[in-house]
C-alpha cells in the first residue's frame, strides 16, 4: 500500500511533527513499507492457532518473602540523628 505525500503530511500534522519535504518523502516510503508488511502478515492463515496472551511460561523472578528477624527499637534508633522517648524525632511539617 503506497501512501501519498498528502496522507503522510496529515499523519505528521496529527503527531505534531514538523518534517521537511525530504523527511516527508522518506517517511512516505518507510510507512508504505510498514503497511505492506502488515498486509503480508494479514494473509497468514492462523485459524488453527489458539488466541494467546502469553507465549512464554510465567516464571516469578521475585523471591518469596522470608521473615528473618526484626530490629529492636534500640537497633532501629541507633543511627537516628534525633530521637525522643523511643521514637524518631523529625522537624515539624506544620508551623502549629
N, C-alpha and C. Protein backbone atom coordinates (compact mmCIF):
# COMPACT_ATOMS: atom_id res chain seq x y z
N UNK A 1 0.86 -1.17 0.00
CA UNK A 1 0.00 0.00 0.00
C UNK A 1 0.90 1.23 0.00
N UNK A 2 0.77 2.02 -0.99
CA UNK A 2 1.61 3.19 -1.11
C UNK A 2 0.85 4.42 -0.62
N UNK A 3 1.39 5.06 0.39
CA UNK A 3 0.78 6.27 0.92
C UNK A 3 1.13 7.46 0.04
N UNK A 4 0.23 8.42 0.02
CA UNK A 4 0.51 9.64 -0.73
C UNK A 4 1.26 10.62 0.16
N UNK A 5 1.88 11.56 -0.45
CA UNK A 5 2.60 12.62 0.27
C UNK A 5 1.63 13.35 1.20
N UNK A 6 0.40 13.61 0.71
CA UNK A 6 -0.60 14.33 1.49
C UNK A 6 -1.02 13.53 2.72
N UNK A 7 -1.15 12.21 2.59
CA UNK A 7 -1.52 11.38 3.75
C UNK A 7 -0.43 11.41 4.81
N UNK A 8 0.81 11.32 4.39
CA UNK A 8 1.92 11.36 5.35
C UNK A 8 2.01 12.73 6.00
N UNK A 9 1.77 13.76 5.23
CA UNK A 9 1.76 15.12 5.77
C UNK A 9 0.67 15.26 6.83
N UNK A 10 -0.50 14.66 6.57
CA UNK A 10 -1.61 14.69 7.52
C UNK A 10 -1.25 13.95 8.81
N UNK A 11 -0.66 12.76 8.68
CA UNK A 11 -0.25 11.98 9.85
C UNK A 11 0.79 12.74 10.66
N UNK A 12 1.73 13.37 9.97
CA UNK A 12 2.77 14.15 10.67
C UNK A 12 2.14 15.31 11.43
N UNK A 13 1.15 15.93 10.83
CA UNK A 13 0.46 17.04 11.50
C UNK A 13 -0.28 16.53 12.74
N UNK A 14 -0.94 15.38 12.63
CA UNK A 14 -1.64 14.80 13.78
C UNK A 14 -0.66 14.46 14.90
N UNK A 15 0.53 14.02 14.54
CA UNK A 15 1.55 13.68 15.53
C UNK A 15 2.34 14.90 15.98
N UNK A 16 1.98 16.04 15.45
CA UNK A 16 2.64 17.31 15.77
C UNK A 16 4.15 17.25 15.46
N UNK A 17 4.44 16.67 14.30
CA UNK A 17 5.82 16.60 13.83
C UNK A 17 6.01 17.60 12.71
N UNK A 18 7.05 18.39 12.82
CA UNK A 18 7.40 19.32 11.75
C UNK A 18 8.48 18.67 10.91
N UNK A 19 8.09 18.20 9.73
CA UNK A 19 9.02 17.49 8.87
C UNK A 19 9.27 18.30 7.60
N UNK A 20 10.50 18.26 7.16
CA UNK A 20 10.85 18.92 5.90
C UNK A 20 10.29 18.09 4.75
N UNK A 21 10.21 18.66 3.55
CA UNK A 21 9.74 17.88 2.40
C UNK A 21 10.55 16.60 2.17
N UNK A 22 11.86 16.67 2.37
CA UNK A 22 12.70 15.47 2.22
C UNK A 22 12.35 14.42 3.27
N UNK A 23 12.12 14.86 4.50
CA UNK A 23 11.76 13.93 5.57
C UNK A 23 10.38 13.32 5.32
N UNK A 24 9.45 14.14 4.81
CA UNK A 24 8.12 13.62 4.48
C UNK A 24 8.22 12.54 3.40
N UNK A 25 9.04 12.75 2.41
CA UNK A 25 9.20 11.77 1.34
C UNK A 25 9.84 10.49 1.87
N UNK A 26 10.83 10.64 2.74
CA UNK A 26 11.48 9.47 3.34
C UNK A 26 10.46 8.71 4.21
N UNK A 27 9.68 9.45 4.98
CA UNK A 27 8.67 8.85 5.85
C UNK A 27 7.59 8.15 5.01
N UNK A 28 7.25 8.73 3.87
CA UNK A 28 6.25 8.12 2.98
C UNK A 28 6.70 6.73 2.55
N UNK A 29 7.95 6.62 2.17
CA UNK A 29 8.48 5.32 1.77
C UNK A 29 8.51 4.32 2.92
N UNK A 30 8.96 4.78 4.09
CA UNK A 30 9.07 3.88 5.24
C UNK A 30 7.69 3.42 5.73
N UNK A 31 6.75 4.35 5.83
CA UNK A 31 5.41 3.98 6.29
C UNK A 31 4.71 3.07 5.28
N UNK A 32 4.92 3.31 4.01
CA UNK A 32 4.34 2.44 2.97
C UNK A 32 4.90 1.02 3.09
N UNK A 33 6.21 0.90 3.34
CA UNK A 33 6.82 -0.41 3.52
C UNK A 33 6.25 -1.13 4.74
N UNK A 34 6.02 -0.39 5.81
CA UNK A 34 5.45 -0.98 7.03
C UNK A 34 4.04 -1.50 6.76
N UNK A 35 3.23 -0.70 6.08
CA UNK A 35 1.87 -1.12 5.76
C UNK A 35 1.86 -2.32 4.82
N UNK A 36 2.80 -2.38 3.89
CA UNK A 36 2.91 -3.54 3.00
C UNK A 36 3.24 -4.80 3.79
N UNK A 37 4.13 -4.66 4.78
CA UNK A 37 4.50 -5.81 5.61
C UNK A 37 3.31 -6.27 6.45
N UNK A 38 2.54 -5.33 7.00
CA UNK A 38 1.35 -5.68 7.78
C UNK A 38 0.34 -6.40 6.90
N UNK A 39 0.16 -5.94 5.67
CA UNK A 39 -0.76 -6.60 4.74
C UNK A 39 -0.30 -8.03 4.46
N UNK A 40 1.01 -8.22 4.36
CA UNK A 40 1.55 -9.56 4.12
C UNK A 40 1.27 -10.46 5.33
N UNK A 41 1.42 -9.94 6.54
CA UNK A 41 1.16 -10.71 7.75
C UNK A 41 -0.32 -11.08 7.87
N UNK A 42 -1.21 -10.22 7.38
CA UNK A 42 -2.64 -10.49 7.47
C UNK A 42 -3.05 -11.65 6.55
N UNK A 43 -2.23 -12.02 5.60
CA UNK A 43 -2.53 -13.12 4.69
C UNK A 43 -2.20 -14.48 5.30
N UNK A 44 -1.49 -14.51 6.42
CA UNK A 44 -1.10 -15.77 7.06
C UNK A 44 -2.34 -16.41 7.68
N UNK A 45 -2.52 -17.72 7.44
CA UNK A 45 -3.65 -18.45 8.00
C UNK A 45 -3.35 -18.82 9.45
N UNK A 46 -4.08 -18.24 10.36
CA UNK A 46 -3.90 -18.51 11.78
C UNK A 46 -5.16 -19.12 12.39
N UNK A 47 -6.02 -19.67 11.54
CA UNK A 47 -7.29 -20.21 12.01
C UNK A 47 -7.12 -21.37 13.00
N UNK A 48 -6.05 -22.15 12.87
CA UNK A 48 -5.85 -23.28 13.77
C UNK A 48 -5.04 -22.96 15.00
N UNK A 49 -4.69 -21.72 15.19
CA UNK A 49 -3.84 -21.33 16.32
C UNK A 49 -4.70 -20.65 17.38
N UNK A 50 -4.66 -21.16 18.62
CA UNK A 50 -5.49 -20.53 19.66
C UNK A 50 -4.97 -19.14 20.02
N UNK A 51 -5.89 -18.31 20.46
CA UNK A 51 -5.53 -16.97 20.91
C UNK A 51 -4.59 -17.08 22.10
N UNK A 52 -3.53 -16.30 22.08
CA UNK A 52 -2.51 -16.39 23.11
C UNK A 52 -2.22 -15.02 23.69
N UNK A 53 -2.18 -14.96 25.01
CA UNK A 53 -1.82 -13.70 25.66
C UNK A 53 -0.38 -13.75 26.14
N UNK A 54 0.13 -14.95 26.42
CA UNK A 54 1.48 -15.10 26.94
C UNK A 54 2.15 -16.24 26.20
N UNK A 55 3.24 -15.97 25.51
CA UNK A 55 3.88 -17.01 24.71
C UNK A 55 5.00 -17.74 25.45
N UNK A 56 5.43 -17.22 26.54
CA UNK A 56 6.45 -17.90 27.34
C UNK A 56 5.83 -18.34 28.65
N UNK A 57 6.45 -19.28 29.31
CA UNK A 57 5.96 -19.72 30.61
C UNK A 57 6.09 -18.61 31.64
N UNK A 58 5.09 -18.51 32.48
CA UNK A 58 5.14 -17.49 33.52
C UNK A 58 6.03 -17.99 34.65
N UNK A 59 7.08 -17.25 34.92
CA UNK A 59 8.01 -17.60 35.97
C UNK A 59 8.20 -16.36 36.84
N UNK A 60 7.98 -16.54 38.12
CA UNK A 60 8.16 -15.42 39.03
C UNK A 60 9.65 -15.23 39.29
N UNK A 61 10.11 -14.02 39.07
CA UNK A 61 11.52 -13.72 39.31
C UNK A 61 11.71 -13.08 40.69
N UNK A 62 10.63 -12.99 41.42
CA UNK A 62 10.69 -12.39 42.76
C UNK A 62 10.77 -13.51 43.79
N UNK A 63 11.70 -13.40 44.69
CA UNK A 63 11.86 -14.42 45.71
C UNK A 63 10.71 -14.33 46.71
N UNK A 64 10.38 -15.42 47.38
CA UNK A 64 9.33 -15.36 48.39
C UNK A 64 9.81 -14.55 49.60
N UNK A 65 8.89 -13.90 50.25
CA UNK A 65 9.22 -13.15 51.45
C UNK A 65 9.54 -14.12 52.59
N UNK A 66 10.64 -13.87 53.26
CA UNK A 66 11.03 -14.70 54.38
C UNK A 66 11.24 -13.81 55.60
N UNK A 67 10.67 -14.21 56.71
CA UNK A 67 10.88 -13.48 57.94
C UNK A 67 12.24 -13.90 58.48
N UNK A 68 13.14 -12.94 58.64
CA UNK A 68 14.50 -13.29 59.07
C UNK A 68 14.87 -12.64 60.39
N UNK A 69 13.92 -12.08 61.04
CA UNK A 69 14.22 -11.42 62.30
C UNK A 69 13.72 -9.99 62.27
N UNK A 70 13.87 -9.33 63.37
CA UNK A 70 13.42 -7.94 63.42
C UNK A 70 14.35 -7.11 64.28
N UNK A 71 14.31 -5.83 64.05
CA UNK A 71 15.14 -4.92 64.82
C UNK A 71 14.49 -4.61 66.16
N UNK A 72 15.32 -4.47 67.14
CA UNK A 72 14.81 -3.98 68.42
C UNK A 72 14.65 -2.47 68.28
N UNK A 73 13.82 -1.85 69.09
CA UNK A 73 13.69 -0.39 69.00
C UNK A 73 15.04 0.32 69.15
N UNK A 74 15.90 -0.21 69.99
CA UNK A 74 17.21 0.40 70.18
C UNK A 74 18.04 0.31 68.90
N UNK A 75 18.01 -0.85 68.23
CA UNK A 75 18.76 -1.01 66.98
C UNK A 75 18.21 -0.09 65.89
N UNK A 76 16.87 0.03 65.83
CA UNK A 76 16.26 0.88 64.81
C UNK A 76 16.64 2.33 65.01
N UNK A 77 16.78 2.76 66.24
CA UNK A 77 17.08 4.17 66.55
C UNK A 77 18.58 4.43 66.69
N UNK A 78 19.39 3.41 66.53
CA UNK A 78 20.83 3.54 66.79
C UNK A 78 21.48 4.66 65.97
N UNK A 79 21.12 4.83 64.71
CA UNK A 79 21.75 5.85 63.86
C UNK A 79 20.86 7.07 63.63
N UNK A 80 19.78 7.16 64.37
CA UNK A 80 18.87 8.30 64.19
C UNK A 80 19.56 9.58 64.65
N UNK A 81 19.48 10.65 63.84
CA UNK A 81 20.12 11.89 64.23
C UNK A 81 19.44 12.56 65.43
N UNK A 82 18.14 12.28 65.61
CA UNK A 82 17.41 12.88 66.72
C UNK A 82 16.32 11.91 67.14
N UNK A 83 16.27 11.57 68.43
CA UNK A 83 15.26 10.64 68.94
C UNK A 83 14.77 11.13 70.29
N UNK A 84 13.55 10.71 70.61
CA UNK A 84 12.97 11.12 71.88
C UNK A 84 11.95 10.09 72.31
N UNK A 85 12.02 9.60 73.52
CA UNK A 85 11.09 8.63 74.09
C UNK A 85 10.92 7.39 73.21
N UNK A 86 12.02 6.89 72.66
CA UNK A 86 11.97 5.67 71.86
C UNK A 86 11.39 5.85 70.46
N UNK A 87 11.34 7.11 69.96
CA UNK A 87 10.79 7.38 68.63
C UNK A 87 11.73 8.30 67.86
N UNK A 88 11.60 8.28 66.53
CA UNK A 88 12.35 9.21 65.71
C UNK A 88 11.76 10.60 65.92
N UNK A 89 12.62 11.58 66.06
CA UNK A 89 12.15 12.95 66.17
C UNK A 89 12.50 13.64 64.86
N UNK A 90 11.48 14.24 64.24
CA UNK A 90 11.67 14.90 62.96
C UNK A 90 11.23 16.35 63.06
N UNK A 91 11.68 17.13 62.08
CA UNK A 91 11.31 18.52 62.03
C UNK A 91 9.80 18.64 61.77
N UNK A 92 9.17 19.60 62.41
CA UNK A 92 7.73 19.80 62.26
C UNK A 92 7.38 20.12 60.81
N UNK A 93 6.29 19.52 60.34
CA UNK A 93 5.84 19.76 58.98
C UNK A 93 5.00 21.03 58.94
N UNK A 94 4.18 21.20 59.94
CA UNK A 94 3.32 22.38 60.02
C UNK A 94 3.85 23.29 61.13
N UNK A 95 3.59 24.55 61.02
CA UNK A 95 4.10 25.53 61.96
C UNK A 95 3.40 25.49 63.31
N UNK A 96 2.25 24.89 63.42
CA UNK A 96 1.44 24.94 64.65
C UNK A 96 2.07 24.20 65.77
